[in-house]
Amino acid sequence: KHYAPAQRQLARAQRNAARKQKGSKNKAKAQVRVMRIHRKVRRQR
């Protein structure tokens, strides 16, 4: 169950990305954070 431990962390990162202003550098950084969590779970699996 690789996804379960990362589910809370992923939800927090997704909320943080949703709050950032569209098109800003901070939003891009937050989206990268979300992708990194997904990538880590995928690689573990």
All heavy atoms as atom14 arrays in JSON, in Angstrom:
{
  "sequence": "KHYAPAQRQLARAQRNAARKQKGSKNKAKAQVRVMRIHRKVRRQR",
  "atom14_mask": [
    [1, 1, 1, 1, 1, 1, 1, 1, 1, 0, 0, 0, 0, 0],
    [1, 1, 1, 1, 1, 1, 1, 1, 1, 1, 0, 0, 0, 0],
    [1, 1, 1, 1, 1, 1, 1, 1, 1, 1, 1, 1, 0, 0],
    [1, 1, 1, 1, 1, 0, 0, 0, 0, 0, 0, 0, 0, 0],
    [1, 1, 1, 1, 1, 1, 1, 0, 0, 0, 0, 0, 0, 0],
    [1, 1, 1, 1, 1, 0, 0, 0, 0, 0, 0, 0, 0, 0],
    [1, 1, 1, 1, 1, 1, 1, 1, 1, 0, 0, 0, 0, 0],
    [1, 1, 1, 1, 1, 1, 1, 1, 1, 1, 1, 0, 0, 0],
    [1, 1, 1, 1, 1, 1, 1, 1, 1, 0, 0, 0, 0, 0],
    [1, 1, 1, 1, 1, 1, 1, 1, 0, 0, 0, 0, 0, 0],
    [1, 1, 1, 1, 1, 0, 0, 0, 0, 0, 0, 0, 0, 0],
    [1, 1, 1, 1, 1, 1, 1, 1, 1, 1, 1, 0, 0, 0],
    [1, 1, 1, 1, 1, 0, 0, 0, 0, 0, 0, 0, 0, 0],
    [1, 1, 1, 1, 1, 1, 1, 1, 1, 0, 0, 0, 0, 0],
    [1, 1, 1, 1, 1, 1, 1, 1, 1, 1, 1, 0, 0, 0],
    [1, 1, 1, 1, 1, 1, 1, 1, 0, 0, 0, 0, 0, 0],
    [1, 1, 1, 1, 1, 0, 0, 0, 0, 0, 0, 0, 0, 0],
    [1, 1, 1, 1, 1, 0, 0, 0, 0, 0, 0, 0, 0, 0],
    [1, 1, 1, 1, 1, 1, 1, 1, 1, 1, 1, 0, 0, 0],
    [1, 1, 1, 1, 1, 1, 1, 1, 1, 0, 0, 0, 0, 0],
    [1, 1, 1, 1, 1, 1, 1, 1, 1, 0, 0, 0, 0, 0],
    [1, 1, 1, 1, 1, 1, 1, 1, 1, 0, 0, 0, 0, 0],
    [1, 1, 1, 1, 0, 0, 0, 0, 0, 0, 0, 0, 0, 0],
    [1, 1, 1, 1, 1, 1, 0, 0, 0, 0, 0, 0, 0, 0],
    [1, 1, 1, 1, 1, 1, 1, 1, 1, 0, 0, 0, 0, 0],
    [1, 1, 1, 1, 1, 1, 1, 1, 0, 0, 0, 0, 0, 0],
    [1, 1, 1, 1, 1, 1, 1, 1, 1, 0, 0, 0, 0, 0],
    [1, 1, 1, 1, 1, 0, 0, 0, 0, 0, 0, 0, 0, 0],
    [1, 1, 1, 1, 1, 1, 1, 1, 1, 0, 0, 0, 0, 0],
    [1, 1, 1, 1, 1, 0, 0, 0, 0, 0, 0, 0, 0, 0],
    [1, 1, 1, 1, 1, 1, 1, 1, 1, 0, 0, 0, 0, 0],
    [1, 1, 1, 1, 1, 1, 1, 0, 0, 0, 0, 0, 0, 0],
    [1, 1, 1, 1, 1, 1, 1, 1, 1, 1, 1, 0, 0, 0],
    [1, 1, 1, 1, 1, 1, 1, 0, 0, 0, 0, 0, 0, 0],
    [1, 1, 1, 1, 1, 1, 1, 1, 0, 0, 0, 0, 0, 0],
    [1, 1, 1, 1, 1, 1, 1, 1, 1, 1, 1, 0, 0, 0],
    [1, 1, 1, 1, 1, 1, 1, 1, 0, 0, 0, 0, 0, 0],
    [1, 1, 1, 1, 1, 1, 1, 1, 1, 1, 0, 0, 0, 0],
    [1, 1, 1, 1, 1, 1, 1, 1, 1, 1, 1, 0, 0, 0],
    [1, 1, 1, 1, 1, 1, 1, 1, 1, 0, 0, 0, 0, 0],
    [1, 1, 1, 1, 1, 1, 1, 0, 0, 0, 0, 0, 0, 0],
    [1, 1, 1, 1, 1, 1, 1, 1, 1, 1, 1, 0, 0, 0],
    [1, 1, 1, 1, 1, 1, 1, 1, 1, 1, 1, 0, 0, 0],
    [1, 1, 1, 1, 1, 1, 1, 1, 1, 0, 0, 0, 0, 0],
    [1, 1, 1, 1, 1, 1, 1, 1, 1, 1, 1, 0, 0, 0]
  ],
  "atom14_positions": [
    [[0.83, -1.21, 0.0], [0.0, 0.0, 0.0], [0.87, 1.26, 0.0], [0.87, 2.04, 0.95], [-0.95, 0.0, 1.2], [-1.92, -1.18, 1.2], [-2.85, -1.13, 2.41], [-3.82, -2.31, 2.38], [-4.72, -2.3, 3.56], [0.0, 0.0, 0.0], [0.0, 0.0, 0.0], [0.0, 0.0, 0.0], [0.0, 0.0, 0.0], [0.0, 0.0, 0.0]],
    [[1.57, 1.47, -1.09], [2.47, 2.6, -1.19], [1.73, 3.94, -1.2], [2.28, 4.96, -0.76], [3.32, 2.48, -2.47], [4.21, 1.28, -2.47], [3.93, 0.13, -3.19], [5.38, 1.03, -1.83], [4.89, -0.76, -3.0], [5.77, -0.23, -2.18], [0.0, 0.0, 0.0], [0.0, 0.0, 0.0], [0.0, 0.0, 0.0], [0.0, 0.0, 0.0]],
    [[0.51, 3.95, -1.71], [-0.21, 5.22, -1.85], [-0.74, 5.72, -0.5], [-0.78, 6.93, -0.27], [-1.37, 5.04, -2.83], [-2.21, 6.28, -3.02], [-1.73, 7.37, -3.74], [-3.49, 6.38, -2.46], [-2.5, 8.51, -3.92], [-4.25, 7.51, -2.63], [-3.76, 8.57, -3.36], [-4.51, 9.7, -3.52], [0.0, 0.0, 0.0], [0.0, 0.0, 0.0]],
    [[-1.13, 4.82, 0.39], [-1.78, 5.22, 1.64], [-0.92, 6.15, 2.5], [-1.43, 7.18, 2.98], [-2.17, 3.97, 2.44], [0.0, 0.0, 0.0], [0.0, 0.0, 0.0], [0.0, 0.0, 0.0], [0.0, 0.0, 0.0], [0.0, 0.0, 0.0], [0.0, 0.0, 0.0], [0.0, 0.0, 0.0], [0.0, 0.0, 0.0], [0.0, 0.0, 0.0]],
    [[0.37, 5.88, 2.74], [1.16, 6.79, 3.58], [1.33, 8.18, 2.96], [1.49, 9.17, 3.69], [2.52, 6.08, 3.68], [2.26, 4.67, 3.33], [1.15, 4.7, 2.34], [0.0, 0.0, 0.0], [0.0, 0.0, 0.0], [0.0, 0.0, 0.0], [0.0, 0.0, 0.0], [0.0, 0.0, 0.0], [0.0, 0.0, 0.0], [0.0, 0.0, 0.0]],
    [[1.29, 8.25, 1.63], [1.5, 9.54, 0.96], [0.2, 10.29, 0.71], [0.25, 11.44, 0.23], [2.22, 9.31, -0.37], [0.0, 0.0, 0.0], [0.0, 0.0, 0.0], [0.0, 0.0, 0.0], [0.0, 0.0, 0.0], [0.0, 0.0, 0.0], [0.0, 0.0, 0.0], [0.0, 0.0, 0.0], [0.0, 0.0, 0.0], [0.0, 0.0, 0.0]],
    [[-0.94, 9.69, 1.03], [-2.22, 10.3, 0.69], [-2.43, 11.63, 1.4], [-2.86, 12.61, 0.79], [-3.36, 9.33, 1.03], [-4.7, 9.71, 0.44], [-5.72, 8.6, 0.59], [-5.43, 7.54, 1.16], [-6.91, 8.83, 0.08], [0.0, 0.0, 0.0], [0.0, 0.0, 0.0], [0.0, 0.0, 0.0], [0.0, 0.0, 0.0], [0.0, 0.0, 0.0]],
    [[-2.13, 11.69, 2.7], [-2.31, 12.94, 3.45], [-1.34, 14.01, 2.97], [-1.72, 15.18, 2.8], [-2.12, 12.67, 4.93], [-2.33, 13.89, 5.81], [-2.23, 13.53, 7.28], [-3.25, 12.57, 7.68], [-3.38, 12.08, 8.92], [-2.53, 12.46, 9.86], [-4.33, 11.22, 9.2], [0.0, 0.0, 0.0], [0.0, 0.0, 0.0], [0.0, 0.0, 0.0]],
    [[-0.09, 13.61, 2.73], [0.91, 14.56, 2.24], [0.53, 15.08, 0.86], [0.68, 16.28, 0.56], [2.27, 13.87, 2.17], [3.42, 14.77, 1.76], [4.73, 14.01, 1.66], [4.74, 12.78, 1.62], [5.83, 14.74, 1.59], [0.0, 0.0, 0.0], [0.0, 0.0, 0.0], [0.0, 0.0, 0.0], [0.0, 0.0, 0.0], [0.0, 0.0, 0.0]],
    [[-0.01, 14.2, 0.03], [-0.41, 14.61, -1.31], [-1.6, 15.57, -1.26], [-1.63, 16.57, -2.0], [-0.77, 13.37, -2.13], [-1.23, 13.59, -3.57], [-0.12, 14.24, -4.39], [-1.62, 12.25, -4.22], [0.0, 0.0, 0.0], [0.0, 0.0, 0.0], [0.0, 0.0, 0.0], [0.0, 0.0, 0.0], [0.0, 0.0, 0.0], [0.0, 0.0, 0.0]],
    [[-2.57, 15.28, -0.4], [-3.73, 16.17, -0.27], [-3.32, 17.56, 0.18], [-3.84, 18.57, -0.31], [-4.73, 15.56, 0.7], [0.0, 0.0, 0.0], [0.0, 0.0, 0.0], [0.0, 0.0, 0.0], [0.0, 0.0, 0.0], [0.0, 0.0, 0.0], [0.0, 0.0, 0.0], [0.0, 0.0, 0.0], [0.0, 0.0, 0.0], [0.0, 0.0, 0.0]],
    [[-2.36, 17.63, 1.11], [-1.88, 18.92, 1.59], [-1.18, 19.7, 0.47], [-1.39, 20.91, 0.3], [-0.93, 18.72, 2.77], [-0.51, 20.01, 3.45], [0.51, 19.78, 4.54], [0.04, 18.8, 5.52], [0.59, 17.6, 5.71], [1.64, 17.24, 4.97], [0.13, 16.78, 6.62], [0.0, 0.0, 0.0], [0.0, 0.0, 0.0], [0.0, 0.0, 0.0]],
    [[-0.38, 18.98, -0.31], [0.34, 19.63, -1.42], [-0.63, 20.1, -2.5], [-0.43, 21.17, -3.1], [1.36, 18.66, -2.01], [0.0, 0.0, 0.0], [0.0, 0.0, 0.0], [0.0, 0.0, 0.0], [0.0, 0.0, 0.0], [0.0, 0.0, 0.0], [0.0, 0.0, 0.0], [0.0, 0.0, 0.0], [0.0, 0.0, 0.0], [0.0, 0.0, 0.0]],
    [[-1.68, 19.33, -2.75], [-2.67, 19.73, -3.76], [-3.46, 20.96, -3.31], [-3.76, 21.84, -4.12], [-3.6, 18.56, -4.05], [-2.94, 17.43, -4.84], [-3.82, 16.21, -4.95], [-4.67, 15.94, -4.08], [-3.64, 15.43, -6.01], [0.0, 0.0, 0.0], [0.0, 0.0, 0.0], [0.0, 0.0, 0.0], [0.0, 0.0, 0.0], [0.0, 0.0, 0.0]],
    [[-3.81, 21.02, -2.02], [-4.51, 22.2, -1.51], [-3.62, 23.43, -1.6], [-4.08, 24.53, -1.94], [-4.96, 21.96, -0.06], [-6.11, 21.0, 0.09], [-6.71, 21.09, 1.48], [-5.74, 20.8, 2.53], [-5.54, 19.59, 3.04], [-6.26, 18.56, 2.6], [-4.64, 19.39, 3.98], [0.0, 0.0, 0.0], [0.0, 0.0, 0.0], [0.0, 0.0, 0.0]],
    [[-2.36, 23.25, -1.28], [-1.42, 24.37, -1.34], [-1.28, 24.88, -2.77], [-1.24, 26.1, -3.01], [-0.06, 23.92, -0.81], [0.94, 25.05, -0.76], [0.64, 26.16, -0.31], [2.16, 24.79, -1.23], [0.0, 0.0, 0.0], [0.0, 0.0, 0.0], [0.0, 0.0, 0.0], [0.0, 0.0, 0.0], [0.0, 0.0, 0.0], [0.0, 0.0, 0.0]],
    [[-1.23, 23.95, -3.74], [-1.12, 24.35, -5.14], [-2.38, 25.06, -5.62], [-2.31, 26.0, -6.43], [-0.84, 23.12, -6.0], [0.0, 0.0, 0.0], [0.0, 0.0, 0.0], [0.0, 0.0, 0.0], [0.0, 0.0, 0.0], [0.0, 0.0, 0.0], [0.0, 0.0, 0.0], [0.0, 0.0, 0.0], [0.0, 0.0, 0.0], [0.0, 0.0, 0.0]],
    [[-3.54, 24.64, -5.12], [-4.8, 25.25, -5.55], [-4.93, 26.68, -5.04], [-5.63, 27.5, -5.66], [-5.97, 24.4, -5.05], [0.0, 0.0, 0.0], [0.0, 0.0, 0.0], [0.0, 0.0, 0.0], [0.0, 0.0, 0.0], [0.0, 0.0, 0.0], [0.0, 0.0, 0.0], [0.0, 0.0, 0.0], [0.0, 0.0, 0.0], [0.0, 0.0, 0.0]],
    [[-4.29, 27.0, -3.93], [-4.39, 28.35, -3.35], [-3.48, 29.37, -4.04], [-3.67, 30.57, -3.88], [-4.08, 28.31, -1.86], [-5.17, 27.68, -1.0], [-4.94, 27.99, 0.47], [-3.73, 27.36, 0.96], [-3.69, 26.2, 1.6], [-4.82, 25.54, 1.82], [-2.56, 25.7, 2.04], [0.0, 0.0, 0.0], [0.0, 0.0, 0.0], [0.0, 0.0, 0.0]],
    [[-2.49, 28.87, -4.76], [-1.54, 29.79, -5.4], [-2.17, 30.48, -6.61], [-3.07, 29.95, -7.26], [-0.28, 29.03, -5.84], [0.44, 28.3, -4.72], [0.91, 29.25, -3.64], [1.66, 28.48, -2.54], [2.05, 29.37, -1.42], [0.0, 0.0, 0.0], [0.0, 0.0, 0.0], [0.0, 0.0, 0.0], [0.0, 0.0, 0.0], [0.0, 0.0, 0.0]],
    [[-1.68, 31.67, -6.88], [-2.2, 32.44, -8.0], [-1.86, 31.77, -9.32], [-0.73, 31.35, -9.55], [-1.63, 33.87, -7.98], [-2.19, 34.78, -9.07], [-1.64, 36.19, -8.99], [-0.86, 36.48, -8.08], [-2.01, 37.04, -9.91], [0.0, 0.0, 0.0], [0.0, 0.0, 0.0], [0.0, 0.0, 0.0], [0.0, 0.0, 0.0], [0.0, 0.0, 0.0]],
    [[-2.84, 31.68, -10.2], [-2.66, 31.02, -11.48], [-1.6, 31.74, -12.31], [-1.63, 32.96, -12.47], [-3.99, 30.99, -12.23], [-3.94, 30.19, -13.52], [-5.31, 30.11, -14.17], [-5.27, 29.28, -15.44], [-6.59, 29.2, -16.09], [0.0, 0.0, 0.0], [0.0, 0.0, 0.0], [0.0, 0.0, 0.0], [0.0, 0.0, 0.0], [0.0, 0.0, 0.0]],
    [[-0.66, 30.95, -12.85], [0.4, 31.52, -13.69], [1.61, 32.01, -12.93], [2.59, 32.42, -13.55], [0.0, 0.0, 0.0], [0.0, 0.0, 0.0], [0.0, 0.0, 0.0], [0.0, 0.0, 0.0], [0.0, 0.0, 0.0], [0.0, 0.0, 0.0], [0.0, 0.0, 0.0], [0.0, 0.0, 0.0], [0.0, 0.0, 0.0], [0.0, 0.0, 0.0]],
    [[1.57, 31.99, -11.6], [2.7, 32.5, -10.8], [3.77, 31.42, -10.64], [3.53, 30.23, -10.83], [2.22, 32.95, -9.42], [1.75, 31.83, -8.68], [0.0, 0.0, 0.0], [0.0, 0.0, 0.0], [0.0, 0.0, 0.0], [0.0, 0.0, 0.0], [0.0, 0.0, 0.0], [0.0, 0.0, 0.0], [0.0, 0.0, 0.0], [0.0, 0.0, 0.0]],
    [[4.99, 31.88, -10.26], [6.09, 30.94, -10.03], [5.8, 30.06, -8.82], [6.19, 28.89, -8.78], [7.39, 31.72, -9.83], [7.89, 32.41, -11.08], [9.24, 33.08, -10.82], [9.77, 33.74, -12.08], [11.08, 34.4, -11.85], [0.0, 0.0, 0.0], [0.0, 0.0, 0.0], [0.0, 0.0, 0.0], [0.0, 0.0, 0.0], [0.0, 0.0, 0.0]],
    [[5.14, 30.63, -7.82], [4.82, 29.85, -6.62], [3.87, 28.7, -6.94], [3.98, 27.61, -6.37], [4.2, 30.76, -5.56], [5.21, 31.68, -4.92], [6.41, 31.38, -4.93], [4.77, 32.81, -4.4], [0.0, 0.0, 0.0], [0.0, 0.0, 0.0], [0.0, 0.0, 0.0], [0.0, 0.0, 0.0], [0.0, 0.0, 0.0], [0.0, 0.0, 0.0]],
    [[2.93, 28.94, -7.85], [2.0, 27.88, -8.24], [2.75, 26.77, -8.99], [2.5, 25.58, -8.78], [0.87, 28.42, -9.11], [-0.23, 27.38, -9.39], [-1.4, 28.0, -10.11], [-2.53, 26.97, -10.28], [-3.12, 26.58, -8.98], [0.0, 0.0, 0.0], [0.0, 0.0, 0.0], [0.0, 0.0, 0.0], [0.0, 0.0, 0.0], [0.0, 0.0, 0.0]],
    [[3.68, 27.17, -9.85], [4.47, 26.19, -10.6], [5.29, 25.33, -9.65], [5.39, 24.11, -9.81], [5.38, 26.9, -11.59], [0.0, 0.0, 0.0], [0.0, 0.0, 0.0], [0.0, 0.0, 0.0], [0.0, 0.0, 0.0], [0.0, 0.0, 0.0], [0.0, 0.0, 0.0], [0.0, 0.0, 0.0], [0.0, 0.0, 0.0], [0.0, 0.0, 0.0]],
    [[5.88, 25.98, -8.61], [6.66, 25.24, -7.62], [5.77, 24.27, -6.84], [6.16, 23.14, -6.56], [7.34, 26.19, -6.66], [8.46, 27.02, -7.28], [9.06, 27.97, -6.26], [10.16, 28.81, -6.87], [10.75, 29.76, -5.88], [0.0, 0.0, 0.0], [0.0, 0.0, 0.0], [0.0, 0.0, 0.0], [0.0, 0.0, 0.0], [0.0, 0.0, 0.0]],
    [[4.57, 24.71, -6.5], [3.65, 23.86, -5.75], [3.2, 22.67, -6.59], [3.04, 21.56, -6.07], [2.43, 24.66, -5.3], [0.0, 0.0, 0.0], [0.0, 0.0, 0.0], [0.0, 0.0, 0.0], [0.0, 0.0, 0.0], [0.0, 0.0, 0.0], [0.0, 0.0, 0.0], [0.0, 0.0, 0.0], [0.0, 0.0, 0.0], [0.0, 0.0, 0.0]],
    [[3.0, 22.88, -7.88], [2.61, 21.79, -8.76], [3.74, 20.77, -8.94], [3.49, 19.57, -9.04], [2.18, 22.35, -10.12], [0.86, 23.1, -10.07], [0.53, 23.78, -11.38], [1.42, 24.11, -12.17], [-0.75, 24.02, -11.63], [0.0, 0.0, 0.0], [0.0, 0.0, 0.0], [0.0, 0.0, 0.0], [0.0, 0.0, 0.0], [0.0, 0.0, 0.0]],
    [[4.96, 21.26, -8.96], [6.12, 20.35, -9.03], [6.17, 19.47, -7.78], [6.49, 18.28, -7.86], [7.42, 21.16, -9.19], [8.64, 20.27, -8.98], [7.48, 21.81, -10.55], [0.0, 0.0, 0.0], [0.0, 0.0, 0.0], [0.0, 0.0, 0.0], [0.0, 0.0, 0.0], [0.0, 0.0, 0.0], [0.0, 0.0, 0.0], [0.0, 0.0, 0.0]],
    [[5.85, 20.08, -6.63], [5.81, 19.31, -5.38], [4.79, 18.17, -5.46], [5.07, 17.06, -5.04], [5.47, 20.26, -4.23], [5.25, 19.58, -2.88], [6.47, 18.89, -2.4], [6.27, 18.29, -1.08], [7.07, 17.38, -0.54], [8.14, 16.96, -1.2], [6.83, 16.89, 0.65], [0.0, 0.0, 0.0], [0.0, 0.0, 0.0], [0.0, 0.0, 0.0]],
    [[3.63, 18.44, -6.03], [2.6, 17.41, -6.2], [3.12, 16.3, -7.11], [2.95, 15.11, -6.83], [1.31, 18.03, -6.77], [0.3, 16.94, -7.12], [0.7, 19.0, -5.77], [0.0, 0.0, 0.0], [0.0, 0.0, 0.0], [0.0, 0.0, 0.0], [0.0, 0.0, 0.0], [0.0, 0.0, 0.0], [0.0, 0.0, 0.0], [0.0, 0.0, 0.0]],
    [[3.75, 16.67, -8.21], [4.26, 15.68, -9.17], [5.35, 14.82, -8.54], [5.44, 13.62, -8.83], [4.78, 16.38, -10.42], [3.68, 16.97, -11.3], [4.28, 17.61, -12.88], [5.25, 19.02, -12.32], [0.0, 0.0, 0.0], [0.0, 0.0, 0.0], [0.0, 0.0, 0.0], [0.0, 0.0, 0.0], [0.0, 0.0, 0.0], [0.0, 0.0, 0.0]],
    [[6.16, 15.42, -7.69], [7.24, 14.65, -7.04], [6.68, 13.59, -6.1], [7.22, 12.48, -6.01], [8.15, 15.6, -6.28], [9.11, 16.38, -7.17], [9.95, 17.36, -6.37], [10.92, 18.05, -7.22], [11.68, 19.05, -6.81], [11.56, 19.5, -5.55], [12.54, 19.62, -7.64], [0.0, 0.0, 0.0], [0.0, 0.0, 0.0], [0.0, 0.0, 0.0]],
    [[5.6, 13.92, -5.4], [4.99, 12.93, -4.51], [4.41, 11.78, -5.32], [4.59, 10.6, -4.98], [3.9, 13.6, -3.65], [4.51, 14.68, -2.75], [3.17, 12.56, -2.81], [3.49, 15.5, -1.99], [0.0, 0.0, 0.0], [0.0, 0.0, 0.0], [0.0, 0.0, 0.0], [0.0, 0.0, 0.0], [0.0, 0.0, 0.0], [0.0, 0.0, 0.0]],
    [[3.71, 12.11, -6.42], [3.17, 11.06, -7.31], [4.3, 10.19, -7.86], [4.17, 8.96, -7.92], [2.4, 11.7, -8.47], [1.0, 12.08, -8.13], [0.04, 11.14, -7.76], [0.36, 13.28, -8.13], [-1.12, 11.75, -7.55], [-0.95, 13.04, -7.75], [0.0, 0.0, 0.0], [0.0, 0.0, 0.0], [0.0, 0.0, 0.0], [0.0, 0.0, 0.0]],
    [[5.39, 10.83, -8.24], [6.52, 10.09, -8.82], [7.15, 9.15, -7.79], [7.51, 8.0, -8.12], [7.56, 11.06, -9.35], [8.75, 10.39, -10.04], [9.7, 11.41, -10.61], [10.25, 12.27, -9.57], [11.03, 13.33, -9.82], [11.33, 13.66, -11.06], [11.5, 14.06, -8.82], [0.0, 0.0, 0.0], [0.0, 0.0, 0.0], [0.0, 0.0, 0.0]],
    [[7.27, 9.61, -6.56], [7.84, 8.77, -5.51], [7.0, 7.53, -5.28], [7.53, 6.4, -5.18], [7.96, 9.56, -4.21], [8.55, 8.76, -3.06], [8.64, 9.61, -1.8], [9.2, 8.79, -0.65], [9.3, 9.58, 0.61], [0.0, 0.0, 0.0], [0.0, 0.0, 0.0], [0.0, 0.0, 0.0], [0.0, 0.0, 0.0], [0.0, 0.0, 0.0]],
    [[5.67, 7.7, -5.2], [4.78, 6.55, -5.0], [4.87, 5.59, -6.18], [4.93, 4.37, -6.0], [3.33, 7.04, -4.82], [2.36, 5.86, -4.77], [3.2, 7.88, -3.54], [0.0, 0.0, 0.0], [0.0, 0.0, 0.0], [0.0, 0.0, 0.0], [0.0, 0.0, 0.0], [0.0, 0.0, 0.0], [0.0, 0.0, 0.0], [0.0, 0.0, 0.0]],
    [[4.89, 6.14, -7.39], [4.97, 5.3, -8.58], [6.26, 4.49, -8.61], [6.26, 3.29, -8.94], [4.87, 6.16, -9.84], [4.84, 5.34, -11.13], [4.71, 6.22, -12.35], [5.88, 7.05, -12.59], [5.94, 8.35, -12.4], [4.86, 9.0, -11.96], [7.04, 9.04, -12.63], [0.0, 0.0, 0.0], [0.0, 0.0, 0.0], [0.0, 0.0, 0.0]],
    [[7.37, 5.12, -8.25], [8.66, 4.42, -8.27], [8.71, 3.33, -7.2], [9.26, 2.24, -7.43], [9.8, 5.42, -8.05], [10.08, 6.28, -9.27], [11.22, 7.26, -9.01], [11.6, 7.97, -10.22], [12.54, 8.91, -10.27], [13.18, 9.25, -9.15], [12.83, 9.51, -11.4], [0.0, 0.0, 0.0], [0.0, 0.0, 0.0], [0.0, 0.0, 0.0]],
    [[8.15, 3.59, -6.03], [8.11, 2.57, -4.98], [7.29, 1.36, -5.45], [7.69, 0.21, -5.25], [7.49, 3.17, -3.71], [8.37, 4.15, -2.99], [7.67, 4.8, -1.81], [6.44, 4.92, -1.78], [8.44, 5.23, -0.82], [0.0, 0.0, 0.0], [0.0, 0.0, 0.0], [0.0, 0.0, 0.0], [0.0, 0.0, 0.0], [0.0, 0.0, 0.0]],
    [[6.13, 1.64, -6.06], [5.27, 0.55, -6.54], [5.96, -0.26, -7.63], [5.93, -1.49, -7.62], [3.96, 1.13, -7.06], [2.95, 0.08, -7.5], [1.73, 0.7, -8.14], [1.05, 1.6, -7.21], [0.92, 2.9, -7.41], [1.41, 3.47, -8.49], [0.27, 3.65, -6.53], [0.0, 0.0, 0.0], [0.0, 0.0, 0.0], [0.0, 0.0, 0.0]]
  ]
}
